Amino acid sequence: MTEGRLASLRLSALGIARAHAPNPLAAVHGLLAMQAQDYAGALWSVGLRVPGSTVTTVEEALASGQIVRSWPMRGTLHLVAADDLGWMLGLTGQRMVRAAEGRRRSLGLGAADFVRAEELLRAELSGGRTASRAELFAALDAGGISPAGQRGVHTLGQLAQTGVLVQSTKDNWRLLEEWVPQPRRLEPDEALREFALRYALGHGPVTARDFAWWSSLTLTDARAGLAAAADELATLSVDDETYYLRPGLEPAPPALHLLPGFDEFVLGYTDRTAQLPKEQFLTIVPGGNGVFLPTIVVDGQIVGTWKRAKSTSKRITFALSPFAALTAPTLRAVETRLTAYGEFLGTEVALA
């Protein structure tokens, strides 16, 4: 078992190499959660797994309530199947709230502020109403809770982590209990097992440390969840480390892929060395600031980045920044993938 084979298996598990999800909900459900603070990138993360999909079809899944956008783990936005969010927050929500207590105290936000904020925003949104972030900030300000600086963001974040608020589209906030009135309800042990099982099926090969980091759970809980799900998982041993994965998973065939910056192929693991050389990490995350650039992936290995270079009303031009010169066949493969991306966006695209 080589690192290249680990990466190839991950491409298959993640639904990238063999895109076959019948619809956006199935794509998200299959991975349990997909990182989504870059909204446009998250739409493409879903779209590249659903043959024939478009921006419109993915956004329709959000607007209809099949998929929601919230903070189920790691203090960052994810796309999640609507009926999964509640039981996930039951395992992770309070851990994230406790992890952010120091930062929120430094912003002058205490327990009473969050109680008051919940009252204000329930009044703003009850009855099936929606509001933008700016409108929620205005409601907080009018009620005596200044959203200045990072106060507003942290207030909305905590109310999402505690299951009060949820985003239905890019900037459309609702009350979770109204938007998802009949969520799945799982007992804690059952929820932990499902969390582990679906993460491993959708991302594996993964380790317990990968799962603990990805899920915001303790390493003890991560190990317990994987142990509980072991009857439905296969394992591999690499350098005395146990990896969990879908039984019968086949490596991805050789191919090139253009992934958005926060795709789960990079963000789904605490150890990314199977797909990304350590010496190139800061190329993907310039300055180590947590902003991941879109990646060019060849046969399971990240070989460079790509970005939008110029946009007009008729065409979007993209530029490549490979780690080393790309061959002519690789460039042709890039053009093929860009054409697919253009069809997803509904616009003409070209290489710079």
Foldseek 3Di string as FASTA:
>chain_A
DALLQQLLLQCQLQQQLPQDQQALLSNCVLQQKWFDPPPVQVLVLSVSSHPPAASVRNLVCLLLLQWWWADLDPLGIIIHGLLLSPLSLVQALVLVVVVCVVVLVVVVDDPVLLVQLLVQVCVVAPPNRKDFLVVSQVSSVVSPHHPPDPNSVVSVRSCRSVQQWIGSGDGIIHGSCVSCVDHDDDDNLRSLLVLLQSNQSRRDQAALQLSCRQSVHDSVSSVSNCVVNVVQWDWDADPNTIGTYGPPRDGRDWAKAWHAFRGCSQVSGPDNCSAEPPVCPCVQVPPVPPGGAIFIGTSSHTFWGKDFDDDDPAETEMETDGPDDDDPVSVVRVVVNVVVVCVNHVHHYYYD
